[in-house]
PDB file of N, CA and C in Angstrom:
ATOM      1  N   MET A   1       0.632  -1.075   0.102  1.00  0.00           N
ATOM      2  CA  MET A   1      -0.072   0.254  -0.183  1.00  0.00           C
ATOM      3  C   MET A   1       0.792   1.413   0.213  1.00  0.00           C
ATOM      4  N   LEU A   2       0.691   2.158  -0.599  1.00  0.00           N
ATOM      5  CA  LEU A   2       1.077   3.213  -1.024  1.00  0.00           C
ATOM      6  C   LEU A   2       0.917   4.365   0.272  1.00  0.00           C
ATOM      7  N   SER A   3       2.009   5.115   0.598  1.00  0.00           N
ATOM      8  CA  SER A   3       1.580   6.468   1.921  1.00  0.00           C
ATOM      9  C   SER A   3       0.652   7.500   0.836  1.00  0.00           C
ATOM     10  N   LYS A   4       0.781   8.592   1.547  1.00  0.00           N
ATOM     11  CA  LYS A   4      -0.144   9.595   0.868  1.00  0.00           C
ATOM     12  C   LYS A   4       0.714  10.253   0.018  1.00  0.00           C
ATOM     13  N   LYS A   5       1.879  10.723   0.597  1.00  0.00           N
ATOM     14  CA  LYS A   5       3.464  10.877   0.093  1.00  0.00           C
ATOM     15  C   LYS A   5       3.742  10.392  -1.232  1.00  0.00           C
ATOM     16  N   GLN A   6       3.912   9.080  -1.136  1.00  0.00           N
ATOM     17  CA  GLN A   6       3.878   8.040  -2.238  1.00  0.00           C
ATOM     18  C   GLN A   6       3.196   7.856  -3.348  1.00  0.00           C
ATOM     19  N   ALA A   7       1.877   7.821  -2.892  1.00  0.00           N
ATOM     20  CA  ALA A   7       0.950   8.061  -4.366  1.00  0.00           C
ATOM     21  C   ALA A   7       0.787   9.415  -4.664  1.00  0.00           C
ATOM     22  N   GLY A   8       0.749  10.479  -4.121  1.00  0.00           N
ATOM     23  CA  GLY A   8       1.165  11.898  -4.795  1.00  0.00           C
ATOM     24  C   GLY A   8       2.384  11.898  -5.760  1.00  0.00           C
ATOM     25  N   ALA A   9       3.813  11.035  -5.343  1.00  0.00           N
ATOM     26  CA  ALA A   9       4.530  11.265  -6.121  1.00  0.00           C
ATOM     27  C   ALA A   9       4.574  10.387  -7.003  1.00  0.00           C
ATOM     28  N   PHE A  10       4.013   9.349  -6.908  1.00  0.00           N
ATOM     29  CA  PHE A  10       3.548   8.328  -8.372  1.00  0.00           C
ATOM     30  C   PHE A  10       2.874   9.151  -9.449  1.00  0.00           C
ATOM     31  N   PHE A  11       1.631   9.917  -8.743  1.00  0.00           N
ATOM     32  CA  PHE A  11       0.671  10.454  -9.266  1.00  0.00           C
ATOM     33  C   PHE A  11       1.445  11.370 -10.647  1.00  0.00           C
ATOM     34  N   LEU A  12       2.121  12.434  -9.731  1.00  0.00           N
ATOM     35  CA  LEU A  12       2.554  13.616 -10.420  1.00  0.00           C
ATOM     36  C   LEU A  12       3.973  12.854 -11.529  1.00  0.00           C
ATOM     37  N   GLY A  13       4.487  11.977 -10.885  1.00  0.00           N
ATOM     38  CA  GLY A  13       5.555  11.004 -12.176  1.00  0.00           C
ATOM     39  C   GLY A  13       4.781  10.922 -13.103  1.00  0.00           C
ATOM     40  N   GLY A  14       3.548  10.568 -12.778  1.00  0.00           N
ATOM     41  CA  GLY A  14       2.809   9.690 -14.245  1.00  0.00           C
ATOM     42  C   GLY A  14       2.408  10.709 -15.188  1.00  0.00           C
ATOM     43  N   THR A  15       1.310  11.704 -14.560  1.00  0.00           N
ATOM     44  CA  THR A  15       1.344  13.099 -15.035  1.00  0.00           C
ATOM     45  C   THR A  15       2.448  13.386 -16.272  1.00  0.00           C
ATOM     46  N   LEU A  16       3.805  13.478 -15.707  1.00  0.00           N
ATOM     47  CA  LEU A  16       4.675  14.207 -16.119  1.00  0.00           C
ATOM     48  C   LEU A  16       5.268  13.308 -17.015  1.00  0.00           C
ATOM     49  N   VAL A  17       5.561  11.972 -17.509  1.00  0.00           N
ATOM     50  CA  VAL A  17       5.474  10.952 -18.456  1.00  0.00           C
ATOM     51  C   VAL A  17       4.691  11.079 -19.496  1.00  0.00           C
ATOM     52  N   THR A  18       3.630  11.177 -18.925  1.00  0.00           N
ATOM     53  CA  THR A  18       2.281  11.163 -20.060  1.00  0.00           C
ATOM     54  C   THR A  18       2.360  12.533 -20.885  1.00  0.00           C
ATOM     55  N   PHE A  19       2.610  13.824 -20.046  1.00  0.00           N
ATOM     56  CA  PHE A  19       2.338  14.985 -20.665  1.00  0.00           C
ATOM     57  C   PHE A  19       4.030  14.964 -21.888  1.00  0.00           C
ATOM     58  N   LEU A  20       4.875  14.145 -21.375  1.00  0.00           N
ATOM     59  CA  LEU A  20       6.182  14.374 -21.958  1.00  0.00           C
ATOM     60  C   LEU A  20       5.919  13.187 -23.385  1.00  0.00           C
ATOM     61  N   ILE A  21       5.611  12.555 -23.276  1.00  0.00           N
ATOM     62  CA  ILE A  21       4.428  11.678 -24.387  1.00  0.00           C
ATOM     63  C   ILE A  21       4.193  12.144 -25.326  1.00  0.00           C
ATOM     64  N   PHE A  22       2.951  13.058 -24.589  1.00  0.00           N
ATOM     65  CA  PHE A  22       1.948  13.750 -25.811  1.00  0.00           C
ATOM     66  C   PHE A  22       2.712  14.856 -26.298  1.00  0.00           C
ATOM     67  N   ILE A  23       3.711  15.331 -25.697  1.00  0.00           N
ATOM     68  CA  ILE A  23       4.435  16.624 -26.653  1.00  0.00           C
ATOM     69  C   ILE A  23       5.075  16.478 -27.489  1.00  0.00           C
ATOM     70  N   GLU A  24       5.791  14.709 -27.431  1.00  0.00           N
ATOM     71  CA  GLU A  24       6.773  14.624 -28.344  1.00  0.00           C
ATOM     72  C   GLU A  24       5.741  13.455 -29.522  1.00  0.00           C
ATOM     73  N   LEU A  25       4.736  13.298 -29.239  1.00  0.00           N
ATOM     74  CA  LEU A  25       3.666  12.798 -30.065  1.00  0.00           C
ATOM     75  C   LEU A  25       2.965  13.623 -31.222  1.00  0.00           C
ATOM     76  N   THR A  26       3.208  15.144 -30.371  1.00  0.00           N
ATOM     77  CA  THR A  26       2.749  16.057 -31.192  1.00  0.00           C
ATOM     78  C   THR A  26       3.655  16.668 -32.352  1.00  0.00           C
ATOM     79  N   VAL A  27       4.782  16.712 -31.330  1.00  0.00           N
ATOM     80  CA  VAL A  27       5.726  17.392 -32.293  1.00  0.00           C
ATOM     81  C   VAL A  27       7.161  16.853 -33.458  1.00  0.00           C
ATOM     82  N   TYR A  28       6.699  15.616 -33.040  1.00  0.00           N
ATOM     83  CA  TYR A  28       7.341  14.488 -33.779  1.00  0.00           C
ATOM     84  C   TYR A  28       7.399  14.696 -35.353  1.00  0.00           C
ATOM     85  N   PRO A  29       5.357  14.276 -35.213  1.00  0.00           N
ATOM     86  CA  PRO A  29       5.234  14.425 -36.915  1.00  0.00           C
ATOM     87  C   PRO A  29       5.381  15.527 -37.951  1.00  0.00           C
ATOM     88  N   SER A  30       5.491  16.652 -37.276  1.00  0.00           N
ATOM     89  CA  SER A  30       6.162  17.966 -38.080  1.00  0.00           C
ATOM     90  C   SER A  30       7.059  18.500 -38.051  1.00  0.00           C
ATOM     91  N   SER A  31       8.233  17.618 -37.701  1.00  0.00           N
ATOM     92  CA  SER A  31       9.652  17.855 -37.813  1.00  0.00           C
ATOM     93  C   SER A  31       9.885  17.619 -38.789  1.00  0.00           C
ATOM     94  N   GLU A  32      10.654  18.745 -39.542  1.00  0.00           N
ATOM     95  CA  GLU A  32      11.696  18.565 -40.605  1.00  0.00           C
ATOM     96  C   GLU A  32      12.017  17.208 -41.392  1.00  0.00           C
ATOM     97  N   GLY A  33      12.894  16.726 -40.408  1.00  0.00           N
ATOM     98  CA  GLY A  33      13.441  15.446 -40.987  1.00  0.00           C
ATOM     99  C   GLY A  33      12.693  14.220 -41.268  1.00  0.00           C
ATOM    100  N   ASN A  34      11.112  14.394 -40.474  1.00  0.00           N
ATOM    101  CA  ASN A  34      10.303  13.272 -40.759  1.00  0.00           C
ATOM    102  C   ASN A  34       9.330  13.307 -42.111  1.00  0.00           C
ATOM    103  N   ASN A  35       9.778  14.151 -42.839  1.00  0.00           N
ATOM    104  CA  ASN A  35       9.120  14.102 -43.935  1.00  0.00           C
ATOM    105  C   ASN A  35       8.856  12.669 -44.884  1.00  0.00           C
ATOM    106  N   GLN A  36       8.098  12.154 -44.715  1.00  0.00           N
ATOM    107  CA  GLN A  36       7.768  10.754 -45.329  1.00  0.00           C
ATOM    108  C   GLN A  36       6.586  10.700 -46.740  1.00  0.00           C
ATOM    109  N   THR A  37       6.713  12.242 -47.531  1.00  0.00           N
ATOM    110  CA  THR A  37       5.380  12.467 -48.164  1.00  0.00           C
ATOM    111  C   THR A  37       6.262  11.648 -49.965  1.00  0.00           C
ATOM    112  N   ASN A  38       7.542  11.505 -49.526  1.00  0.00           N
ATOM    113  CA  ASN A  38       8.044  11.201 -51.506  1.00  0.00           C
ATOM    114  C   ASN A  38       7.205  12.060 -52.290  1.00  0.00           C
ATOM    115  N   SER A  39       7.817  13.092 -52.158  1.00  0.00           N
ATOM    116  CA  SER A  39       7.128  14.122 -52.905  1.00  0.00           C
ATOM    117  C   SER A  39       7.693  14.164 -54.538  1.00  0.00           C
ATOM    118  N   LYS A  40       8.749  13.945 -53.972  1.00  0.00           N
ATOM    119  CA  LYS A  40       9.958  13.729 -55.564  1.00  0.00           C
ATOM    120  C   LYS A  40       8.795  12.741 -56.418  1.00  0.00           C
ATOM    121  N   ASN A  41       8.914  12.107 -56.055  1.00  0.00           N
ATOM    122  CA  ASN A  41       8.393  10.599 -56.751  1.00  0.00           C
ATOM    123  C   ASN A  41       6.821  10.559 -57.089  1.00  0.00           C
ATOM    124  N   LEU A  42       6.299  11.827 -56.948  1.00  0.00           N
ATOM    125  CA  LEU A  42       4.909  11.944 -57.341  1.00  0.00           C
ATOM    126  C   LEU A  42       4.874  12.164 -58.794  1.00  0.00           C
ATOM    127  N   THR A  43       4.045  11.698 -59.651  1.00  0.00           N
ATOM    128  CA  THR A  43       3.679  11.915 -61.220  1.00  0.00           C
ATOM    129  C   THR A  43       2.571  13.058 -61.419  1.00  0.00           C
ATOM    130  N   GLU A  44       2.442  13.761 -62.585  1.00  0.00           N
ATOM    131  CA  GLU A  44       1.368  14.115 -62.582  1.00  0.00           C
ATOM    132  C   GLU A  44      -0.110  13.522 -62.643  1.00  0.00           C
ATOM    133  N   SER A  45      -0.181  12.607 -63.212  1.00  0.00           N
ATOM    134  CA  SER A  45      -0.996  11.602 -63.469  1.00  0.00           C
ATOM    135  C   SER A  45      -1.997  11.557 -62.046  1.00  0.00           C
ATOM    136  N   LEU A  46      -1.069  10.937 -60.724  1.00  0.00           N
ATOM    137  CA  LEU A  46      -0.928  10.720 -59.258  1.00  0.00           C
ATOM    138  C   LEU A  46      -1.793  11.755 -58.921  1.00  0.00           C
ATOM    139  N   VAL A  47      -1.042  13.200 -59.457  1.00  0.00           N
ATOM    140  CA  VAL A  47      -1.558  14.268 -58.807  1.00  0.00           C
ATOM    141  C   VAL A  47      -2.885  14.768 -58.942  1.00  0.00           C
ATOM    142  N   LYS A  48      -3.370  14.348 -60.204  1.00  0.00           N
ATOM    143  CA  LYS A  48      -4.675  14.682 -60.931  1.00  0.00           C
ATOM    144  C   LYS A  48      -5.648  13.546 -60.104  1.00  0.00           C
ATOM    145  N   LEU A  49      -5.034  12.463 -59.933  1.00  0.00           N
ATOM    146  CA  LEU A  49      -6.072  11.515 -59.329  1.00  0.00           C
ATOM    147  C   LEU A  49      -6.688  11.625 -58.333  1.00  0.00           C
ATOM    148  N   TYR A  50      -5.133  12.246 -57.241  1.00  0.00           N
ATOM    149  CA  TYR A  50      -5.652  12.707 -55.532  1.00  0.00           C
ATOM    150  C   TYR A  50      -6.419  13.738 -56.105  1.00  0.00           C
ATOM    151  N   GLU A  51      -6.682  15.008 -56.879  1.00  0.00           N
ATOM    152  CA  GLU A  51      -6.861  16.033 -56.802  1.00  0.00           C
ATOM    153  C   GLU A  51      -8.620  15.317 -57.116  1.00  0.00           C
ATOM    154  N   LYS A  52      -8.895  14.713 -57.851  1.00  0.00           N
ATOM    155  CA  LYS A  52     -10.175  14.329 -58.557  1.00  0.00           C
ATOM    156  C   LYS A  52     -11.083  13.503 -56.990  1.00  0.00           C
ATOM    157  N   ASN A  53      -9.938  12.559 -56.177  1.00  0.00           N
ATOM    158  CA  ASN A  53     -10.813  11.882 -55.313  1.00  0.00           C
ATOM    159  C   ASN A  53     -10.642  12.396 -53.952  1.00  0.00           C
ATOM    160  N   LYS A  54     -10.278  13.895 -53.716  1.00  0.00           N
ATOM    161  CA  LYS A  54      -9.722  13.866 -52.807  1.00  0.00           C
ATOM    162  C   LYS A  54     -11.277  14.606 -51.805  1.00  0.00           C
ATOM    163  N   TYR A  55     -12.318  15.012 -52.113  1.00  0.00           N
ATOM    164  CA  TYR A  55     -13.398  15.169 -51.666  1.00  0.00           C
ATOM    165  C   TYR A  55     -14.441  13.938 -51.697  1.00  0.00           C
ATOM    166  N   GLN A  56     -14.261  12.936 -51.967  1.00  0.00           N
ATOM    167  CA  GLN A  56     -15.060  11.614 -52.604  1.00  0.00           C
ATOM    168  C   GLN A  56     -15.214  11.039 -51.109  1.00  0.00           C
ATOM    169  N   SER A  57     -14.302  10.802 -50.269  1.00  0.00           N
ATOM    170  CA  SER A  57     -14.642   9.837 -49.134  1.00  0.00           C
ATOM    171  C   SER A  57     -15.551  10.765 -48.187  1.00  0.00           C
TER     172      SER A  57
END
């Protein structure tokens, strides 16, 4: 069983870890080095197909 002080420390530690994970998952996808679009490999026909089907879902 945890004492009140230990329970408080456990809660604050868990909150801090969860907050840091949330921040990392928010920042990482938009970082410059994480570009996974392969935009240099897109052909004109793929761009037209995307534009045609963009709003049909």
